[in-house]
Amino acid sequence: MAVTPLSAEQRRALEMLDKSQGSGCPRLLWVAHGFTLAMLVSLVRDGLADVQAETVSEGAGTIETVRIRITGAGRRAIEDPAKAQ
């Protein structure tokens, strides 16, 4: 099966996620960097990123947050596109 090359924006997004060293990237930061929801969906659909919802309690309140993390396939895609899948 042929591997579709990453676009420059996809590569930039995956590199940003990789630099987060497993802690992931909050959705707000994702948007601040100019990445779209459509790109996020495509990275998740292709197995290059993962989205995890989290609930954080602080005092009397709770905050729901979404973290975006790179997967092993995403790391391989930016290291060596031929090994992405």
Protein backbone atom coordinates (compact mmCIF):
# COMPACT_ATOMS: atom_id res chain seq x y z
CA MET A 1 0.00 0.00 0.00
CA ALA A 2 1.42 3.39 -1.01
CA VAL A 3 2.07 5.96 1.70
CA THR A 4 0.70 9.42 0.99
CA PRO A 5 3.38 12.05 1.57
CA LEU A 6 2.76 14.55 4.34
CA SER A 7 1.96 18.13 3.42
CA ALA A 8 4.19 20.84 4.91
CA GLU A 9 1.40 21.74 7.38
CA GLN A 10 0.88 18.12 8.43
CA ARG A 11 4.61 17.74 9.00
CA ARG A 12 4.71 20.97 11.04
CA ALA A 13 1.75 19.78 13.14
CA LEU A 14 3.30 16.37 13.80
CA GLU A 15 6.66 17.93 14.67
CA MET A 16 4.93 20.22 17.18
CA LEU A 17 3.17 17.23 18.73
CA ASP A 18 6.44 15.29 18.81
CA LYS A 19 8.14 18.15 20.70
CA SER A 20 5.44 17.94 23.39
CA GLN A 21 7.22 14.74 24.52
CA GLY A 22 4.10 12.70 25.12
CA SER A 23 2.22 15.31 27.15
CA GLY A 24 0.17 16.25 24.12
CA CYS A 25 -0.99 19.59 22.90
CA PRO A 26 -4.10 21.37 24.17
CA ARG A 27 -6.65 22.08 21.46
CA LEU A 28 -6.40 25.83 22.11
CA LEU A 29 -2.67 25.76 21.34
CA TRP A 30 -3.41 23.69 18.24
CA VAL A 31 -5.79 26.40 16.98
CA ALA A 32 -3.38 29.19 17.96
CA HIS A 33 -0.78 27.65 15.64
CA GLY A 34 -3.26 27.91 12.77
CA PHE A 35 -4.10 24.21 12.44
CA THR A 36 -7.64 23.35 11.40
CA LEU A 37 -10.06 20.81 12.75
CA ALA A 38 -10.10 19.19 9.30
CA MET A 39 -6.33 18.59 9.49
CA LEU A 40 -6.66 17.14 12.98
CA VAL A 41 -9.37 14.79 11.78
CA SER A 42 -7.22 13.65 8.86
CA LEU A 43 -4.21 12.99 11.13
CA VAL A 44 -6.37 10.98 13.55
CA ARG A 45 -8.09 9.10 10.70
CA ASP A 46 -4.69 8.18 9.25
CA GLY A 47 -3.45 6.99 12.66
CA LEU A 48 -0.78 9.70 12.93
CA ALA A 49 -2.31 11.48 15.95
CA ASP A 50 -4.67 10.63 18.78
CA VAL A 51 -7.17 12.79 20.66
CA GLN A 52 -7.93 12.23 24.33
CA ALA A 53 -10.53 14.06 26.41
CA GLU A 54 -9.60 14.81 30.00
CA THR A 55 -11.46 16.29 32.94
CA VAL A 56 -9.40 18.35 35.36
CA SER A 57 -10.73 19.33 38.80
CA GLU A 58 -9.50 22.56 40.32
CA GLY A 59 -11.07 23.71 43.56
CA ALA A 60 -14.85 23.64 43.16
CA GLY A 61 -14.77 23.56 39.37
CA THR A 62 -13.94 21.13 36.64
CA ILE A 63 -12.59 21.81 33.19
CA GLU A 64 -12.93 19.49 30.23
CA THR A 65 -9.94 19.60 27.93
CA VAL A 66 -8.83 17.78 24.81
CA ARG A 67 -5.20 16.79 24.24
CA ILE A 68 -3.76 15.89 20.88
CA ARG A 69 -0.85 13.45 20.87
CA ILE A 70 1.37 12.05 18.15
CA THR A 71 1.29 8.27 17.65
CA GLY A 72 4.15 5.94 16.82
CA ALA A 73 3.03 6.00 13.18
CA GLY A 74 3.13 9.81 13.28
CA ARG A 75 6.70 9.75 14.58
CA ARG A 76 7.72 7.31 11.88
CA ALA A 77 6.06 9.51 9.24
CA ILE A 78 8.20 12.51 10.14
CA GLU A 79 11.37 10.44 10.60
CA ASP A 80 11.02 8.27 7.49
CA PRO A 81 7.90 8.69 5.32
CA ALA A 82 8.39 5.21 3.84
CA LYS A 83 7.82 3.65 7.28
CA ALA A 84 4.66 5.63 8.15
CA GLN A 85 2.34 2.61 7.97
